[in-house]
Amino acid sequence: MAFTFGKSTTFVVLGLFGLIACAYGATTQTLPPTEDRYGTDYCSAVKASNAAEFKTKCETDSGFRFYFCGITCDSLYSTAETLQASKASALAYACDDMFTAYFCNNMKNTSKCAGNTTYTAFRLCTKTCGYC
């Protein structure tokens, strides 16, 4: 089905898969709360300048989705179901570690995947720390 209807369908399929995986405990860490670290004015301006591109970025870039413009990304979705599907889609699309296995395993083994280092762990070691 994803091949027939194109890339946007792939996002939906990945989003639903990620949502189902979360429901069955595949994600071990609680996701950090969304933030607009770039600032709400900046994120709103980017959204206004190209809404389609902004939505794609929200659905495919987990760092952008949760950290840099997360609150503004949240505003795109009108129901809890579509909001959760968009978060799952962003995670499923790019579930990987940005740093080496050695670094991420060290972070995990020293309990730095949660607590006051949650955002760092989420951005750098998404997979190893169990966010997706």
C-alpha atoms as a PDB file:
ATOM      1  CA  MET A   1       0.000   0.000   0.000  1.00  0.00           C
ATOM      2  CA  ALA A   2       2.830   2.427   0.780  1.00  0.00           C
ATOM      3  CA  PHE A   3       4.287   1.932  -2.696  1.00  0.00           C
ATOM      4  CA  THR A   4       0.957   2.506  -4.405  1.00  0.00           C
ATOM      5  CA  PHE A   5       0.047   5.766  -2.733  1.00  0.00           C
ATOM      6  CA  GLY A   6       3.451   7.346  -2.276  1.00  0.00           C
ATOM      7  CA  LYS A   7       5.514   8.841   0.484  1.00  0.00           C
ATOM      8  CA  SER A   8       2.682  10.426   2.485  1.00  0.00           C
ATOM      9  CA  THR A   9       1.091   7.000   2.948  1.00  0.00           C
ATOM     10  CA  THR A  10       4.422   5.704   4.198  1.00  0.00           C
ATOM     11  CA  PHE A  11       4.283   8.276   6.994  1.00  0.00           C
ATOM     12  CA  VAL A  12       0.838   7.071   8.022  1.00  0.00           C
ATOM     13  CA  VAL A  13       1.892   3.424   7.958  1.00  0.00           C
ATOM     14  CA  LEU A  14       5.021   4.150   9.977  1.00  0.00           C
ATOM     15  CA  GLY A  15       3.031   6.303  12.380  1.00  0.00           C
ATOM     16  CA  LEU A  16       0.479   3.598  13.005  1.00  0.00           C
ATOM     17  CA  PHE A  17       3.199   0.973  13.404  1.00  0.00           C
ATOM     18  CA  GLY A  18       5.042   3.169  15.889  1.00  0.00           C
ATOM     19  CA  LEU A  19       1.836   3.841  17.801  1.00  0.00           C
ATOM     20  CA  ILE A  20       1.096   0.114  17.981  1.00  0.00           C
ATOM     21  CA  ALA A  21       4.687  -0.617  19.030  1.00  0.00           C
ATOM     22  CA  CYS A  22       4.408   1.944  21.837  1.00  0.00           C
ATOM     23  CA  ALA A  23       1.161   0.370  23.016  1.00  0.00           C
ATOM     24  CA  TYR A  24       2.874  -2.999  23.342  1.00  0.00           C
ATOM     25  CA  GLY A  25       5.877  -1.683  25.231  1.00  0.00           C
ATOM     26  CA  ALA A  26       8.474  -1.475  22.449  1.00  0.00           C
ATOM     27  CA  THR A  27       9.455   1.991  23.641  1.00  0.00           C
ATOM     28  CA  THR A  28      11.013   1.773  27.075  1.00  0.00           C
ATOM     29  CA  GLN A  29      11.609   5.457  27.783  1.00  0.00           C
ATOM     30  CA  THR A  30       8.986   8.137  28.212  1.00  0.00           C
ATOM     31  CA  LEU A  31       9.366  10.721  25.485  1.00  0.00           C
ATOM     32  CA  PRO A  32      10.510  14.143  26.616  1.00  0.00           C
ATOM     33  CA  PRO A  33       7.837  16.851  26.562  1.00  0.00           C
ATOM     34  CA  THR A  34       7.680  18.874  23.377  1.00  0.00           C
ATOM     35  CA  GLU A  35       9.302  22.309  23.345  1.00  0.00           C
ATOM     36  CA  ASP A  36       9.795  25.227  20.981  1.00  0.00           C
ATOM     37  CA  ARG A  37      13.502  25.705  21.698  1.00  0.00           C
ATOM     38  CA  TYR A  38      13.812  27.873  18.585  1.00  0.00           C
ATOM     39  CA  GLY A  39      11.044  30.061  20.033  1.00  0.00           C
ATOM     40  CA  THR A  40       7.345  30.111  19.265  1.00  0.00           C
ATOM     41  CA  ASP A  41       7.667  33.209  17.056  1.00  0.00           C
ATOM     42  CA  TYR A  42      10.341  31.573  14.893  1.00  0.00           C
ATOM     43  CA  CYS A  43       8.494  28.247  14.618  1.00  0.00           C
ATOM     44  CA  SER A  44       5.203  29.980  13.785  1.00  0.00           C
ATOM     45  CA  ALA A  45       6.926  32.064  11.096  1.00  0.00           C
ATOM     46  CA  VAL A  46       8.483  28.962   9.513  1.00  0.00           C
ATOM     47  CA  LYS A  47       5.102  27.220   9.603  1.00  0.00           C
ATOM     48  CA  ALA A  48       3.408  30.248   7.992  1.00  0.00           C
ATOM     49  CA  SER A  49       6.020  30.534   5.237  1.00  0.00           C
ATOM     50  CA  ASN A  50       5.607  26.927   4.030  1.00  0.00           C
ATOM     51  CA  ALA A  51       3.012  24.884   5.923  1.00  0.00           C
ATOM     52  CA  ALA A  52       3.468  21.709   3.845  1.00  0.00           C
ATOM     53  CA  GLU A  53       7.243  21.657   4.306  1.00  0.00           C
ATOM     54  CA  PHE A  54       6.858  22.412   8.017  1.00  0.00           C
ATOM     55  CA  LYS A  55       4.433  19.491   8.447  1.00  0.00           C
ATOM     56  CA  THR A  56       6.807  17.150   6.594  1.00  0.00           C
ATOM     57  CA  LYS A  57       9.645  18.230   8.893  1.00  0.00           C
ATOM     58  CA  CYS A  58       7.417  17.533  11.922  1.00  0.00           C
ATOM     59  CA  GLU A  59       6.669  14.033  10.595  1.00  0.00           C
ATOM     60  CA  THR A  60      10.212  13.048   9.630  1.00  0.00           C
ATOM     61  CA  ASP A  61      12.668  14.763  11.978  1.00  0.00           C
ATOM     62  CA  SER A  62      12.317  13.652  15.584  1.00  0.00           C
ATOM     63  CA  GLY A  63      14.630  16.375  16.924  1.00  0.00           C
ATOM     64  CA  PHE A  64      12.655  19.080  15.173  1.00  0.00           C
ATOM     65  CA  ARG A  65       9.369  17.384  16.161  1.00  0.00           C
ATOM     66  CA  PHE A  66      10.035  17.133  19.877  1.00  0.00           C
ATOM     67  CA  TYR A  67      12.707  19.684  20.685  1.00  0.00           C
ATOM     68  CA  PHE A  68      13.161  22.570  18.275  1.00  0.00           C
ATOM     69  CA  CYS A  69       9.545  23.309  17.217  1.00  0.00           C
ATOM     70  CA  GLY A  70       7.555  20.665  19.077  1.00  0.00           C
ATOM     71  CA  ILE A  71       4.759  22.819  20.458  1.00  0.00           C
ATOM     72  CA  THR A  72       4.149  24.370  17.053  1.00  0.00           C
ATOM     73  CA  CYS A  73       4.206  20.892  15.469  1.00  0.00           C
ATOM     74  CA  ASP A  74       1.608  19.800  18.042  1.00  0.00           C
ATOM     75  CA  SER A  75      -0.663  22.627  16.872  1.00  0.00           C
ATOM     76  CA  LEU A  76      -0.995  20.971  13.438  1.00  0.00           C
ATOM     77  CA  TYR A  77      -3.062  18.105  14.829  1.00  0.00           C
ATOM     78  CA  SER A  78      -6.638  18.423  16.026  1.00  0.00           C
ATOM     79  CA  THR A  79      -7.112  15.122  17.870  1.00  0.00           C
ATOM     80  CA  ALA A  80      -5.061  13.116  20.347  1.00  0.00           C
ATOM     81  CA  GLU A  81      -4.953  10.207  17.884  1.00  0.00           C
ATOM     82  CA  THR A  82      -3.459  12.248  15.049  1.00  0.00           C
ATOM     83  CA  LEU A  83      -1.054  13.933  17.465  1.00  0.00           C
ATOM     84  CA  GLN A  84       0.214  10.565  18.738  1.00  0.00           C
ATOM     85  CA  ALA A  85       0.439   9.204  15.184  1.00  0.00           C
ATOM     86  CA  SER A  86       2.581  12.184  14.142  1.00  0.00           C
ATOM     87  CA  LYS A  87       4.954  11.634  17.072  1.00  0.00           C
ATOM     88  CA  ALA A  88       5.206   7.917  16.298  1.00  0.00           C
ATOM     89  CA  SER A  89       5.846   8.716  12.642  1.00  0.00           C
ATOM     90  CA  ALA A  90       8.733  11.059  13.465  1.00  0.00           C
ATOM     91  CA  LEU A  91      10.305   8.415  15.707  1.00  0.00           C
ATOM     92  CA  ALA A  92       9.812   5.543  13.271  1.00  0.00           C
ATOM     93  CA  TYR A  93      11.167   7.542  10.343  1.00  0.00           C
ATOM     94  CA  ALA A  94      14.508   8.227  11.985  1.00  0.00           C
ATOM     95  CA  CYS A  95      15.028   5.731  14.815  1.00  0.00           C
ATOM     96  CA  ASP A  96      18.791   5.754  15.025  1.00  0.00           C
ATOM     97  CA  ASP A  97      21.638   6.938  17.204  1.00  0.00           C
ATOM     98  CA  MET A  98      23.563  10.047  16.157  1.00  0.00           C
ATOM     99  CA  PHE A  99      26.627   9.001  18.148  1.00  0.00           C
ATOM    100  CA  THR A 100      28.710   5.817  18.231  1.00  0.00           C
ATOM    101  CA  ALA A 101      27.572   2.567  19.813  1.00  0.00           C
ATOM    102  CA  TYR A 102      30.333   2.945  22.420  1.00  0.00           C
ATOM    103  CA  PHE A 103      29.125   6.407  23.448  1.00  0.00           C
ATOM    104  CA  CYS A 104      25.439   5.423  23.528  1.00  0.00           C
ATOM    105  CA  ASN A 105      26.027   2.169  25.400  1.00  0.00           C
ATOM    106  CA  ASN A 106      28.062   4.114  27.958  1.00  0.00           C
ATOM    107  CA  MET A 107      25.214   6.602  28.303  1.00  0.00           C
ATOM    108  CA  LYS A 108      22.750   3.754  28.821  1.00  0.00           C
ATOM    109  CA  ASN A 109      24.989   1.833  31.246  1.00  0.00           C
ATOM    110  CA  THR A 110      25.525   4.913  33.421  1.00  0.00           C
ATOM    111  CA  SER A 111      21.785   5.662  33.667  1.00  0.00           C
ATOM    112  CA  LYS A 112      22.008   8.864  31.620  1.00  0.00           C
ATOM    113  CA  CYS A 113      19.081   8.004  29.336  1.00  0.00           C
ATOM    114  CA  ALA A 114      16.588   9.594  31.740  1.00  0.00           C
ATOM    115  CA  GLY A 115      16.370  12.287  34.364  1.00  0.00           C
ATOM    116  CA  ASN A 116      17.961  15.661  33.713  1.00  0.00           C
ATOM    117  CA  THR A 117      19.787  14.304  30.628  1.00  0.00           C
ATOM    118  CA  THR A 118      16.615  13.160  28.829  1.00  0.00           C
ATOM    119  CA  TYR A 119      16.882  15.657  25.955  1.00  0.00           C
ATOM    120  CA  THR A 120      20.543  14.851  25.376  1.00  0.00           C
ATOM    121  CA  ALA A 121      19.836  11.124  25.389  1.00  0.00           C
ATOM    122  CA  PHE A 122      16.852  11.571  23.100  1.00  0.00           C
ATOM    123  CA  ARG A 123      18.815  13.598  20.527  1.00  0.00           C
ATOM    124  CA  LEU A 124      22.061  11.623  20.578  1.00  0.00           C
ATOM    125  CA  CYS A 125      21.141   8.025  21.413  1.00  0.00           C
ATOM    126  CA  THR A 126      17.482   7.665  20.441  1.00  0.00           C
ATOM    127  CA  LYS A 127      17.614   3.953  19.663  1.00  0.00           C
ATOM    128  CA  THR A 128      20.003   2.740  22.387  1.00  0.00           C
ATOM    129  CA  CYS A 129      18.157   4.669  25.099  1.00  0.00           C
ATOM    130  CA  GLY A 130      14.867   3.041  24.046  1.00  0.00           C
ATOM    131  CA  TYR A 131      12.886   5.980  22.700  1.00  0.00           C
ATOM    132  CA  CYS A 132      11.851   4.073  19.586  1.00  0.00           C
END
